[in-house]
Amino acid sequence: MKASPKKVLSLVLALCTVVCVLASCNKQEKKDSDQTDFTILGGMSTLSSGYDSNPVMEKLAEDAGVTIEWDLMSDSLGEIVGTRIGGGQLPDAFIAVNFSQGDIAEYGEDETFIDLTDYITPEIMPNLSAILEEYPDIRSAITMADGKIYGLPSAEMMGTAAIGAEDNYGIYSIPEFMYINKTWLDELGLPMPTNLTELHDVLVAFKENDMATKNGNAAGMTIPFSSGYDQWCWGQEMLYAGFGFTNFTNDVCADLMVNENGEVYFASAQENYRDAVTYIHDWFAEGLMDLEMFSQSQSQFIAKGTAGRIGVLTYWEAPEILGKFADDYVFLPPLKGPEGTEYADTCEVNIRANPAVTSGNLNITSACGNPELLCRYFDQWYDGEVVMQLQYGPIGIYFSEEKDENGVWVPLSDEEAQSRFGKSSGELKGQYEVYGPRLILPEYYNSIFYMEDRATQRLEYLENDWLPYSHNRNYYPLDVTFTADELDTIDRYKADFVGQVAEYEGRWIKDGGPTDEEWNEYLSILEDNCGMNKLLSVYQDAYDRYTAAAK
């Protein structure tokens, strides 16, 4: 059958279109292979002055022949990342987002993230390839169930063994320490509190005497106790130690814990949790807790600390939050429970998992036209002296210009840092620290650089003053793997469960409760609507497999 002239014309036009598209694609492919400008979106420290003015970052980009536009933030990162991925507005890569194992698997499967396996070679990434040769477990940790690698590895292998302890507990095992204004305490002639009742009385005294006025603040600006709410290193959880637990933010699932018998449970469904939030509400009602603890950003929290308004607070380290007032504060060890209660002799600090090797801090997306060059750039981050400077700060700013007689880089003392830069070494670290993919290997300490004095001090406090209150040292590991069905269950229930727990806990601290009726209703909601028992079953099965394999 002879085709009509109209159909022939349509066929010709269609063929021309295909040819044009193919030519365009070939042209685009050539153009992309020459890409040297990249956009990277992700997280950075609240204290950071940005990466564009960081001399280490400038040199790394220059050496790799790339230009990077950094789109970085310290607040609202998760929301922005979700919006960008959902809307298909992808950067060339995400950095310091800390994507979960499930996220990485999902975004790898739908090709949002590309497989990096073919780029992790001695020719393209010699530094990282050498590390993976020496540490095959790191390669295993970043290889997903489909055999592909969708992110570059990150881990900081710093723990109590570095100060001579028999067991190695990571520096993040207990993320938040309490600090108390010892200057205020001394001026009022008050002893260091040892239990929650004594701390309550101290906070009342701080408020009634409006102690912040002594630091130049207006009347009524004193905040007896301040923290965030369920924040990983500045939350309220340390107050719960007097009730037998500390449910620090857990990277697997909020409130997920393991008892001494290896049984998985949620702290938020236990009676001592109910007693703790009921007790803390009384403090909140008396105006002893920061009324903005549920809504304040880290920047707002820091502003209060540097203004000298806070009596007691939780945070990773005092200088970062308290500025010139840091010397007024001392560590406040974990406290026993309230006097006259069943918790009067109770103090238990639970530990978080030691940092696992993760691959959610540098993920290259399908929008990147030249992933090989970007991988070459990031391979520089796996050089020992480079990662040292990304972690702490540049040579000549955080570290002295010359190595010592042992060939090791030495950090500036606080006195040197203040003299040369008008800042403490901790403040310099906050300003220059770069978040992202980095491996700080055990052999780096004391061979490439010395562990900073602050880290040594923190590990000493961890070993000597906090871990003695941790009688059950079981924790839920970060590198537990889940089956596809288990991940489906987690995806279905986890967000609702975590959201409900956070909502009820916040409500009870602010408004009071729970009554018996409210508590029973809460447990029913967690079980019936939020799949609590299904989640526990999944987490228990995965934990049992993990411990069996370890044996």
Protein backbone atom coordinates (compact mmCIF):
# COMPACT_ATOMS: atom_id res chain seq x y z
CA MET A 1 0.00 0.00 0.00
CA LYS A 2 1.46 3.33 -1.06
CA ALA A 3 1.88 5.87 1.71
CA SER A 4 0.21 9.23 1.34
CA PRO A 5 2.40 12.32 0.81
CA LYS A 6 1.21 13.58 4.19
CA LYS A 7 2.41 10.43 5.98
CA VAL A 8 5.74 10.51 4.14
CA LEU A 9 6.24 14.10 5.24
CA SER A 10 5.43 13.18 8.84
CA LEU A 11 7.93 10.31 8.75
CA VAL A 12 10.66 12.55 7.37
CA LEU A 13 10.00 15.18 10.01
CA ALA A 14 10.11 12.53 12.71
CA LEU A 15 13.41 11.16 11.45
CA CYS A 16 14.83 14.67 11.32
CA THR A 17 13.74 15.23 14.89
CA VAL A 18 15.45 12.01 16.02
CA VAL A 19 18.67 12.99 14.24
CA CYS A 20 18.57 16.45 15.81
CA VAL A 21 17.96 15.00 19.28
CA LEU A 22 20.81 12.52 18.89
CA ALA A 23 23.12 15.25 17.68
CA SER A 24 22.07 17.40 20.60
CA CYS A 25 22.65 14.55 23.03
CA ASN A 26 26.11 13.87 21.63
CA LYS A 27 26.91 17.56 21.88
CA GLN A 28 25.62 17.67 25.46
CA GLU A 29 27.60 14.56 26.37
CA LYS A 30 30.78 16.17 25.09
CA LYS A 31 29.94 19.37 26.91
CA ASP A 32 29.22 17.56 30.18
CA SER A 33 32.46 15.59 30.03
CA ASP A 34 34.25 18.94 30.12
CA GLN A 35 32.27 20.19 33.12
CA THR A 36 34.47 21.89 35.72
CA ASP A 37 31.86 24.01 37.55
CA PHE A 38 29.81 22.17 40.16
CA THR A 39 27.00 23.05 42.56
CA ILE A 40 27.00 21.19 45.89
CA LEU A 41 24.19 21.48 48.43
CA GLY A 42 24.35 20.41 52.05
CA GLY A 43 25.09 21.14 55.67
CA MET A 44 27.71 23.10 57.53
CA SER A 45 28.40 24.07 61.13
CA THR A 46 26.46 26.96 62.61
CA LEU A 47 29.83 28.41 63.59
CA SER A 48 31.34 28.14 60.11
CA SER A 49 32.33 31.31 58.26
CA GLY A 50 31.67 29.53 54.96
CA TYR A 51 33.87 27.55 52.60
CA ASP A 52 34.59 30.24 50.01
CA SER A 53 37.01 31.98 52.40
CA ASN A 54 38.63 28.75 53.62
CA PRO A 55 42.22 28.55 52.29
CA VAL A 56 42.26 24.74 52.40
CA MET A 57 39.12 24.55 50.27
CA GLU A 58 40.47 27.11 47.83
CA LYS A 59 43.64 25.09 47.31
CA LEU A 60 41.79 21.78 46.87
CA ALA A 61 39.59 23.30 44.17
CA GLU A 62 42.57 24.88 42.44
CA ASP A 63 44.58 21.64 42.47
CA ALA A 64 41.67 19.67 41.00
CA GLY A 65 40.83 22.32 38.41
CA VAL A 66 37.26 22.78 39.58
CA THR A 67 35.02 25.62 40.66
CA ILE A 68 32.41 24.80 43.27
CA GLU A 69 29.35 26.81 44.21
CA TRP A 70 28.56 25.84 47.81
CA ASP A 71 24.88 25.99 48.76
CA LEU A 72 25.20 25.29 52.48
CA MET A 73 23.02 25.74 55.56
CA SER A 74 22.99 24.81 59.24
CA ASP A 75 19.21 24.91 59.76
CA SER A 76 16.27 23.41 57.81
CA LEU A 77 18.59 21.18 55.78
CA GLY A 78 16.30 18.15 55.69
CA GLU A 79 13.36 20.16 54.46
CA ILE A 80 15.36 21.83 51.69
CA VAL A 81 16.94 18.57 50.54
CA GLY A 82 13.57 16.82 50.44
CA THR A 83 12.07 19.64 48.41
CA ARG A 84 14.92 19.66 45.92
CA ILE A 85 14.86 15.90 45.40
CA GLY A 86 11.07 15.78 45.22
CA GLY A 87 11.01 18.59 42.67
CA GLY A 88 13.81 17.15 40.56
CA GLN A 89 16.02 20.20 41.17
CA LEU A 90 19.21 18.32 41.86
CA PRO A 91 22.63 19.81 42.55
CA ASP A 92 25.67 17.98 41.23
CA ALA A 93 26.16 16.48 44.67
CA PHE A 94 24.85 16.53 48.24
CA ILE A 95 27.32 16.99 51.09
CA ALA A 96 26.96 16.48 54.86
CA VAL A 97 23.28 15.57 54.64
CA ASN A 98 23.85 12.27 56.48
CA PHE A 99 21.38 10.31 54.39
CA SER A 100 20.23 7.10 56.07
CA GLN A 101 20.88 3.64 54.71
CA GLY A 102 17.29 3.49 53.52
CA ASP A 103 17.54 6.87 51.80
CA ILE A 104 20.72 5.87 50.01
CA ALA A 105 19.22 2.59 48.81
CA GLU A 106 16.07 4.35 47.60
CA TYR A 107 17.85 7.20 45.84
CA GLY A 108 20.32 4.78 44.29
CA GLU A 109 17.57 2.55 42.98
CA ASP A 110 15.67 5.43 41.39
CA GLU A 111 18.96 6.81 39.97
CA THR A 112 18.87 10.07 41.91
CA PHE A 113 22.32 9.02 43.17
CA ILE A 114 24.80 7.48 40.75
CA ASP A 115 26.92 4.39 41.34
CA LEU A 116 30.48 5.44 42.20
CA THR A 117 32.05 1.98 42.04
CA ASP A 118 33.78 2.53 38.69
CA TYR A 119 35.32 5.78 39.94
CA ILE A 120 36.84 4.36 43.12
CA THR A 121 39.98 3.10 41.40
CA PRO A 122 43.71 3.69 41.92
CA GLU A 123 43.74 5.80 38.75
CA ILE A 124 40.87 8.13 39.71
CA MET A 125 40.81 7.97 43.51
CA PRO A 126 44.24 6.72 44.63
CA ASN A 127 43.95 7.93 48.24
CA LEU A 128 40.57 6.34 48.91
CA SER A 129 41.47 3.16 46.99
CA ALA A 130 44.54 2.66 49.17
CA ILE A 131 42.45 3.07 52.33
CA LEU A 132 39.87 0.55 51.11
CA GLU A 133 42.67 -1.87 50.35
CA GLU A 134 43.91 -1.55 53.91
CA TYR A 135 40.43 -1.45 55.47
CA PRO A 136 38.17 -3.77 53.44
CA ASP A 137 35.46 -3.41 56.08
CA ILE A 138 35.02 0.20 55.01
CA ARG A 139 34.26 -0.89 51.45
CA SER A 140 31.79 -3.43 52.82
CA ALA A 141 30.09 -0.76 54.92
CA ILE A 142 29.46 1.54 51.95
CA THR A 143 28.43 -1.18 49.49
CA MET A 144 24.66 -1.49 49.31
CA ALA A 145 22.65 -4.69 48.94
CA ASP A 146 22.64 -4.32 45.14
CA GLY A 147 26.45 -4.34 45.12
CA LYS A 148 26.76 -0.66 44.23
CA ILE A 149 28.33 2.27 46.05
CA TYR A 150 26.22 5.44 46.09
CA GLY A 151 28.26 7.53 48.52
CA LEU A 152 31.80 8.15 49.71
CA PRO A 153 32.76 6.91 53.19
CA SER A 154 32.94 8.95 56.39
CA ALA A 155 34.13 7.90 59.83
CA GLU A 156 36.03 9.35 62.76
CA MET A 157 37.76 6.58 64.66
CA MET A 158 38.42 8.49 67.87
CA GLY A 159 37.58 6.90 71.20
CA THR A 160 38.62 6.24 74.77
CA ALA A 161 41.26 3.71 73.71
CA ALA A 162 43.25 6.70 72.46
CA ILE A 163 43.77 7.79 76.08
CA GLY A 164 44.73 4.32 77.28
CA ALA A 165 41.34 2.89 78.23
CA GLU A 166 40.88 -0.86 77.89
CA ASP A 167 37.63 -0.52 75.93
CA ASN A 168 37.06 1.90 73.09
CA TYR A 169 33.95 4.03 73.36
CA GLY A 170 33.65 6.67 70.69
CA ILE A 171 33.82 10.34 71.52
CA TYR A 172 30.16 10.63 70.48
CA SER A 173 29.01 7.87 72.87
CA ILE A 174 27.61 10.51 75.20
CA PRO A 175 26.87 13.53 73.02
CA GLU A 176 25.72 16.11 75.53
CA PHE A 177 27.37 17.17 78.76
CA MET A 178 25.85 19.48 81.36
CA TYR A 179 27.55 22.68 82.40
CA ILE A 180 26.78 24.88 85.38
CA ASN A 181 27.78 28.48 86.04
CA LYS A 182 30.21 27.93 88.92
CA THR A 183 30.73 31.70 89.31
CA TRP A 184 27.03 32.19 90.06
CA LEU A 185 27.04 29.14 92.32
CA ASP A 186 29.95 30.52 94.35
CA GLU A 187 28.50 34.01 94.58
CA LEU A 188 25.34 32.54 96.09
CA GLY A 189 27.34 30.25 98.42
CA LEU A 190 25.66 27.13 97.03
CA PRO A 191 27.26 23.67 96.83
CA MET A 192 27.53 21.70 93.60
CA PRO A 193 24.25 19.78 93.17
CA THR A 194 24.36 15.99 93.28
CA ASN A 195 20.73 15.18 92.56
CA LEU A 196 17.77 16.70 90.74
CA THR A 197 16.25 18.15 93.91
CA GLU A 198 19.44 20.08 94.65
CA LEU A 199 19.68 21.25 91.05
CA HIS A 200 16.08 22.45 91.22
CA ASP A 201 16.93 24.58 94.26
CA VAL A 202 19.98 26.02 92.50
CA LEU A 203 17.90 26.96 89.45
CA VAL A 204 15.37 28.67 91.71
CA ALA A 205 18.18 30.67 93.30
CA PHE A 206 19.56 31.67 89.88
CA LYS A 207 16.11 32.91 88.87
CA GLU A 208 15.20 34.69 92.10
CA ASN A 209 18.53 36.51 92.18
CA ASP A 210 18.35 37.30 88.45
CA MET A 211 21.99 36.33 88.07
CA ALA A 212 22.25 37.29 84.37
CA THR A 213 22.22 40.94 85.41
CA LYS A 214 25.76 40.40 86.71
CA ASN A 215 26.81 39.83 83.09
CA GLY A 216 25.31 43.10 81.91
CA ASN A 217 21.86 41.82 80.97
CA ALA A 218 18.62 43.63 81.68
CA ALA A 219 16.43 42.56 84.58
CA GLY A 220 14.40 39.42 83.94
CA MET A 221 16.76 38.00 81.29
CA THR A 222 18.10 35.11 83.39
CA ILE A 223 17.45 31.63 82.01
CA PRO A 224 18.05 29.08 84.80
CA PHE A 225 18.26 26.06 82.47
CA SER A 226 18.44 26.04 78.69
CA SER A 227 18.68 23.37 76.03
CA GLY A 228 17.04 22.37 72.81
CA TYR A 229 14.38 19.68 72.58
CA ASP A 230 15.65 16.26 71.44
CA GLN A 231 18.70 17.86 69.83
CA TRP A 232 21.64 15.52 69.40
CA CYS A 233 24.18 17.40 71.56
CA TRP A 234 22.06 20.05 73.28
CA GLY A 235 18.86 18.35 74.36
CA GLN A 236 17.10 17.81 77.67
CA GLU A 237 17.91 14.11 77.90
CA MET A 238 20.70 14.38 80.49
CA LEU A 239 18.08 15.40 83.05
CA TYR A 240 16.47 11.99 82.60
CA ALA A 241 19.56 10.18 83.98
CA GLY A 242 18.06 10.55 87.45
CA PHE A 243 15.16 8.39 86.29
CA GLY A 244 17.32 5.58 84.97
CA PHE A 245 17.86 6.40 81.30
CA THR A 246 19.10 8.95 78.79
CA ASN A 247 17.34 8.61 75.45
CA PHE A 248 19.86 10.59 73.44
CA THR A 249 18.95 11.19 69.82
CA ASN A 250 19.40 7.86 68.07
CA ASP A 251 20.48 7.67 64.45
CA VAL A 252 18.49 4.47 63.88
CA CYS A 253 15.15 5.37 65.50
CA ALA A 254 14.29 7.76 68.31
CA ASP A 255 14.28 6.20 71.79
CA LEU A 256 15.38 2.78 70.49
CA MET A 257 17.47 1.03 73.15
CA VAL A 258 18.83 -2.40 74.08
CA ASN A 259 18.72 -3.80 77.61
CA GLU A 260 21.35 -5.96 79.30
CA ASN A 261 19.67 -9.12 77.96
CA GLY A 262 19.89 -7.97 74.36
CA GLU A 263 16.20 -7.13 74.17
CA VAL A 264 15.20 -4.12 72.08
CA TYR A 265 12.73 -1.63 73.52
CA PHE A 266 11.58 1.96 73.25
CA ALA A 267 12.43 4.20 76.21
CA SER A 268 9.37 6.30 75.43
CA ALA A 269 7.00 3.47 76.34
CA GLN A 270 8.42 2.84 79.84
CA GLU A 271 7.10 4.02 83.20
CA ASN A 272 10.31 5.82 84.15
CA TYR A 273 9.97 7.90 80.98
CA ARG A 274 6.48 8.90 82.09
CA ASP A 275 7.81 9.85 85.53
CA ALA A 276 10.65 11.87 84.03
CA VAL A 277 8.52 14.09 81.77
CA THR A 278 6.00 14.56 84.57
CA TYR A 279 8.77 15.78 86.88
CA ILE A 280 10.39 18.08 84.32
CA HIS A 281 7.03 19.73 83.64
CA ASP A 282 7.10 21.13 87.18
CA TRP A 283 10.38 22.88 86.38
CA PHE A 284 8.92 24.23 83.15
CA ALA A 285 5.83 25.52 85.00
CA GLU A 286 8.07 27.30 87.52
CA GLY A 287 9.92 29.10 84.74
CA LEU A 288 13.17 27.24 85.38
CA MET A 289 13.36 25.75 81.88
CA ASP A 290 13.92 27.86 78.79
CA LEU A 291 10.44 28.66 77.48
CA GLU A 292 11.85 28.62 73.94
CA MET A 293 13.52 25.21 74.24
CA PHE A 294 11.05 23.63 71.82
CA SER A 295 11.46 26.17 69.05
CA GLN A 296 14.85 27.83 69.31
CA SER A 297 17.50 27.29 66.67
CA GLN A 298 21.08 26.52 67.53
CA SER A 299 21.99 30.08 66.58
CA GLN A 300 19.46 31.48 69.06
CA PHE A 301 20.77 29.13 71.74
CA ILE A 302 24.34 30.28 71.14
CA ALA A 303 23.25 33.93 71.32
CA LYS A 304 21.84 33.35 74.80
CA GLY A 305 25.01 31.56 75.92
CA THR A 306 27.39 34.21 74.62
CA ALA A 307 25.26 36.90 76.30
CA GLY A 308 25.82 35.26 79.70
CA ARG A 309 22.14 34.58 80.37
CA ILE A 310 22.15 30.83 81.16
CA GLY A 311 22.76 29.14 84.51
CA VAL A 312 22.82 25.47 83.46
CA LEU A 313 22.85 24.10 79.93
CA THR A 314 23.61 21.04 77.87
CA TYR A 315 25.99 21.15 74.94
CA TRP A 316 28.91 19.39 73.31
CA GLU A 317 31.52 21.77 74.66
CA ALA A 318 31.31 25.00 76.66
CA PRO A 319 33.51 27.39 74.60
CA GLU A 320 31.43 26.84 71.49
CA ILE A 321 28.25 28.01 73.19
CA LEU A 322 29.44 30.40 75.91
CA GLY A 323 32.12 32.55 74.31
CA LYS A 324 33.88 34.83 76.79
CA PHE A 325 31.81 33.43 79.67
CA ALA A 326 33.08 29.86 79.16
CA ASP A 327 35.52 30.06 82.08
CA ASP A 328 32.61 30.69 84.45
CA TYR A 329 31.28 27.18 83.81
CA VAL A 330 32.30 23.69 84.89
CA PHE A 331 31.07 20.22 84.02
CA LEU A 332 28.01 19.14 85.99
CA PRO A 333 28.16 15.34 86.31
CA PRO A 334 25.02 13.22 85.84
CA LEU A 335 22.61 13.67 88.74
CA LYS A 336 20.68 11.19 90.84
CA GLY A 337 16.90 11.28 90.93
CA PRO A 338 14.70 13.48 93.14
CA GLU A 339 14.95 13.09 96.88
CA GLY A 340 12.14 11.17 98.53
CA THR A 341 11.29 9.14 95.42
CA GLU A 342 12.07 5.63 94.23
CA TYR A 343 14.71 7.20 91.99
CA ALA A 344 16.68 8.84 94.83
CA ASP A 345 19.67 6.53 94.28
CA THR A 346 19.25 6.21 90.52
CA CYS A 347 21.58 7.57 87.87
CA GLU A 348 21.95 5.80 84.52
CA VAL A 349 23.53 7.21 81.39
CA ASN A 350 22.90 5.20 78.25
CA ILE A 351 25.42 5.41 75.45
CA ARG A 352 24.91 5.91 71.76
CA ALA A 353 26.44 3.69 69.11
CA ASN A 354 30.05 4.23 68.21
CA PRO A 355 30.22 6.07 64.90
CA ALA A 356 29.75 3.73 61.99
CA VAL A 357 31.23 4.12 58.56
CA THR A 358 28.55 5.98 56.62
CA SER A 359 28.14 6.86 52.97
CA GLY A 360 25.48 9.55 53.30
CA ASN A 361 27.76 12.59 53.49
CA LEU A 362 28.79 12.82 49.84
CA ASN A 363 26.42 11.59 47.18
CA ILE A 364 26.80 12.55 43.52
CA THR A 365 23.53 12.93 41.63
CA SER A 366 22.40 12.14 38.12
CA ALA A 367 22.56 15.88 37.37
CA CYS A 368 26.36 15.78 37.46
CA GLY A 369 27.88 15.71 33.99
CA ASN A 370 31.45 14.94 35.06
CA PRO A 371 31.42 12.67 38.10
CA GLU A 372 34.97 11.49 37.39
CA LEU A 373 36.41 14.97 37.92
CA LEU A 374 34.29 15.48 41.03
CA CYS A 375 35.55 12.16 42.41
CA ARG A 376 39.14 13.23 41.68
CA TYR A 377 38.47 16.41 43.64
CA PHE A 378 37.05 14.55 46.65
CA ASP A 379 39.85 11.98 46.61
CA GLN A 380 42.05 14.78 47.96
CA TRP A 381 39.85 14.74 51.09
CA TYR A 382 41.22 11.28 51.93
CA ASP A 383 44.79 12.47 52.32
CA GLY A 384 45.82 12.41 56.00
CA GLU A 385 47.07 15.98 56.19
CA VAL A 386 44.09 17.29 54.23
CA VAL A 387 41.48 15.55 56.38
CA MET A 388 43.33 16.90 59.42
CA GLN A 389 42.74 20.45 58.17
CA LEU A 390 39.15 19.79 57.14
CA GLN A 391 38.40 18.44 60.59
CA TYR A 392 40.13 21.12 62.63
CA GLY A 393 41.42 24.02 60.57
CA PRO A 394 44.27 25.09 58.29
CA ILE A 395 47.98 24.81 58.92
CA GLY A 396 49.08 28.27 59.99
CA ILE A 397 45.72 29.01 61.62
CA TYR A 398 44.63 26.04 63.74
CA PHE A 399 47.98 24.23 63.48
CA SER A 400 51.45 25.73 63.79
CA GLU A 401 53.31 26.45 60.56
CA GLU A 402 55.92 23.76 61.24
CA LYS A 403 55.83 20.17 62.47
CA ASP A 404 57.45 19.34 65.78
CA GLU A 405 60.59 17.26 66.29
CA ASN A 406 58.49 14.09 65.85
CA GLY A 407 57.22 15.18 62.47
CA VAL A 408 53.71 15.78 63.82
CA TRP A 409 51.51 18.83 63.30
CA VAL A 410 50.77 20.65 66.56
CA PRO A 411 47.61 22.68 67.24
CA LEU A 412 48.01 26.22 68.51
CA SER A 413 47.41 26.61 72.21
CA ASP A 414 44.43 28.69 73.29
CA GLU A 415 46.86 31.42 74.34
CA GLU A 416 48.54 31.44 70.90
CA ALA A 417 45.19 31.39 69.13
CA GLN A 418 43.91 34.30 71.20
CA SER A 419 47.09 36.27 70.65
CA ARG A 420 47.19 35.77 66.88
CA PHE A 421 43.51 35.57 65.93
CA GLY A 422 41.56 36.83 68.94
CA LYS A 423 39.79 33.48 69.26
CA SER A 424 40.21 30.24 71.20
CA SER A 425 41.33 27.13 69.34
CA GLY A 426 37.77 25.81 69.73
CA GLU A 427 36.37 28.90 68.05
CA LEU A 428 38.89 28.55 65.22
CA LYS A 429 37.84 24.93 64.73
CA GLY A 430 34.19 26.00 64.59
CA GLN A 431 35.01 28.64 62.01
CA TYR A 432 37.09 26.45 59.70
CA GLU A 433 35.72 22.93 60.16
CA VAL A 434 34.37 21.43 56.95
CA TYR A 435 31.58 18.85 57.03
CA GLY A 436 31.53 16.04 54.50
CA PRO A 437 33.24 12.79 53.51
CA ARG A 438 36.35 12.13 55.55
CA LEU A 439 38.06 9.18 57.16
CA ILE A 440 40.11 9.90 60.26
CA LEU A 441 41.99 6.65 60.72
CA PRO A 442 43.44 5.46 64.04
CA GLU A 443 47.00 5.76 62.78
CA TYR A 444 46.59 9.47 62.05
CA TYR A 445 46.53 10.33 65.75
CA ASN A 446 50.02 11.12 67.06
CA SER A 447 51.64 10.40 63.69
CA ILE A 448 50.15 13.08 61.43
CA PHE A 449 48.59 15.28 64.10
CA TYR A 450 48.07 15.19 67.81
CA MET A 451 44.64 14.71 69.19
CA GLU A 452 43.48 18.12 70.27
CA ASP A 453 43.63 18.88 73.98
CA ARG A 454 39.88 19.41 74.05
CA ALA A 455 39.27 15.95 72.58
CA THR A 456 41.67 14.37 75.05
CA GLN A 457 39.94 16.18 77.88
CA ARG A 458 36.51 15.13 76.65
CA LEU A 459 37.56 11.50 76.39
CA GLU A 460 39.00 11.69 79.90
CA TYR A 461 35.72 13.08 81.22
CA LEU A 462 33.85 10.44 79.25
CA GLU A 463 35.95 7.61 80.66
CA ASN A 464 36.28 8.86 84.24
CA ASP A 465 33.14 10.89 84.96
CA TRP A 466 30.36 9.74 82.66
CA LEU A 467 30.88 6.08 81.74
CA PRO A 468 30.88 5.04 85.44
CA TYR A 469 27.18 5.99 85.38
CA SER A 470 26.61 3.75 82.37
CA HIS A 471 25.95 0.32 83.79
CA ASN A 472 24.26 -1.10 80.69
CA ARG A 473 26.54 -0.38 77.77
CA ASN A 474 24.49 -2.11 75.12
CA TYR A 475 23.40 0.06 72.25
CA TYR A 476 21.73 -0.36 68.90
CA PRO A 477 24.48 -0.39 66.24
CA LEU A 478 24.37 2.00 63.33
CA ASP A 479 25.52 -0.48 60.72
CA VAL A 480 22.80 -3.08 61.24
CA THR A 481 21.38 -4.10 57.87
CA PHE A 482 17.72 -4.69 57.09
CA THR A 483 15.92 -6.81 54.54
CA ALA A 484 13.68 -5.19 51.92
CA ASP A 485 10.57 -6.24 53.85
CA GLU A 486 11.99 -4.82 57.07
CA LEU A 487 12.80 -1.54 55.38
CA ASP A 488 9.22 -1.42 54.09
CA THR A 489 7.93 -1.81 57.65
CA ILE A 490 10.29 0.90 58.89
CA ASP A 491 9.26 3.23 56.07
CA ARG A 492 5.60 2.62 56.85
CA TYR A 493 5.67 3.23 60.59
CA LYS A 494 8.85 4.95 61.77
CA ALA A 495 7.98 8.56 60.89
CA ASP A 496 4.55 8.35 62.52
CA PHE A 497 5.98 6.69 65.61
CA VAL A 498 8.76 9.24 66.05
CA GLY A 499 6.38 12.11 65.39
CA GLN A 500 3.81 10.96 67.93
CA VAL A 501 6.43 10.42 70.65
CA ALA A 502 7.92 13.87 70.09
CA GLU A 503 4.49 15.52 70.09
CA TYR A 504 3.32 13.87 73.32
CA GLU A 505 6.61 14.37 75.16
CA GLY A 506 6.66 18.07 74.28
CA ARG A 507 3.02 18.47 75.29
CA TRP A 508 3.55 16.80 78.65
CA ILE A 509 6.62 18.86 79.49
CA LYS A 510 4.82 22.09 78.60
CA ASP A 511 1.29 21.39 79.78
CA GLY A 512 1.61 18.60 82.35
CA GLY A 513 0.61 14.99 82.48
CA PRO A 514 0.13 12.30 81.56
CA THR A 515 -2.78 11.04 83.62
CA ASP A 516 -3.39 7.29 83.68
CA GLU A 517 -6.00 7.72 80.97
CA GLU A 518 -3.67 9.81 78.79
CA TRP A 519 -0.80 7.37 79.24
CA ASN A 520 -2.89 4.35 78.25
CA GLU A 521 -4.27 6.23 75.28
CA TYR A 522 -0.74 7.15 74.21
CA LEU A 523 0.46 3.54 74.38
CA SER A 524 -2.56 2.42 72.38
CA ILE A 525 -1.83 4.98 69.67
CA LEU A 526 1.80 3.86 69.47
CA GLU A 527 0.80 0.21 69.21
CA ASP A 528 -2.32 0.44 67.03
CA ASN A 529 -1.64 3.45 64.79
CA CYS A 530 2.16 3.73 64.75
CA GLY A 531 3.18 0.08 64.52
CA MET A 532 5.34 0.11 67.65
CA ASN A 533 5.31 -3.66 68.08
CA LYS A 534 5.97 -4.24 64.37
CA LEU A 535 8.94 -1.88 64.55
CA LEU A 536 10.26 -3.64 67.64
CA SER A 537 10.01 -6.98 65.87
CA VAL A 538 11.99 -5.67 62.90
CA TYR A 539 14.65 -4.04 65.03
CA GLN A 540 14.95 -7.12 67.24
CA ASP A 541 15.34 -9.52 64.30
CA ALA A 542 17.97 -7.32 62.67
CA TYR A 543 19.83 -6.91 65.96
CA ASP A 544 19.81 -10.66 66.58
CA ARG A 545 21.27 -11.30 63.12
CA TYR A 546 23.93 -8.67 63.74
CA THR A 547 25.02 -10.07 67.10
CA ALA A 548 24.99 -13.64 65.75
CA ALA A 549 27.26 -12.63 62.88
CA ALA A 550 29.59 -10.81 65.27
CA LYS A 551 29.99 -13.98 67.32
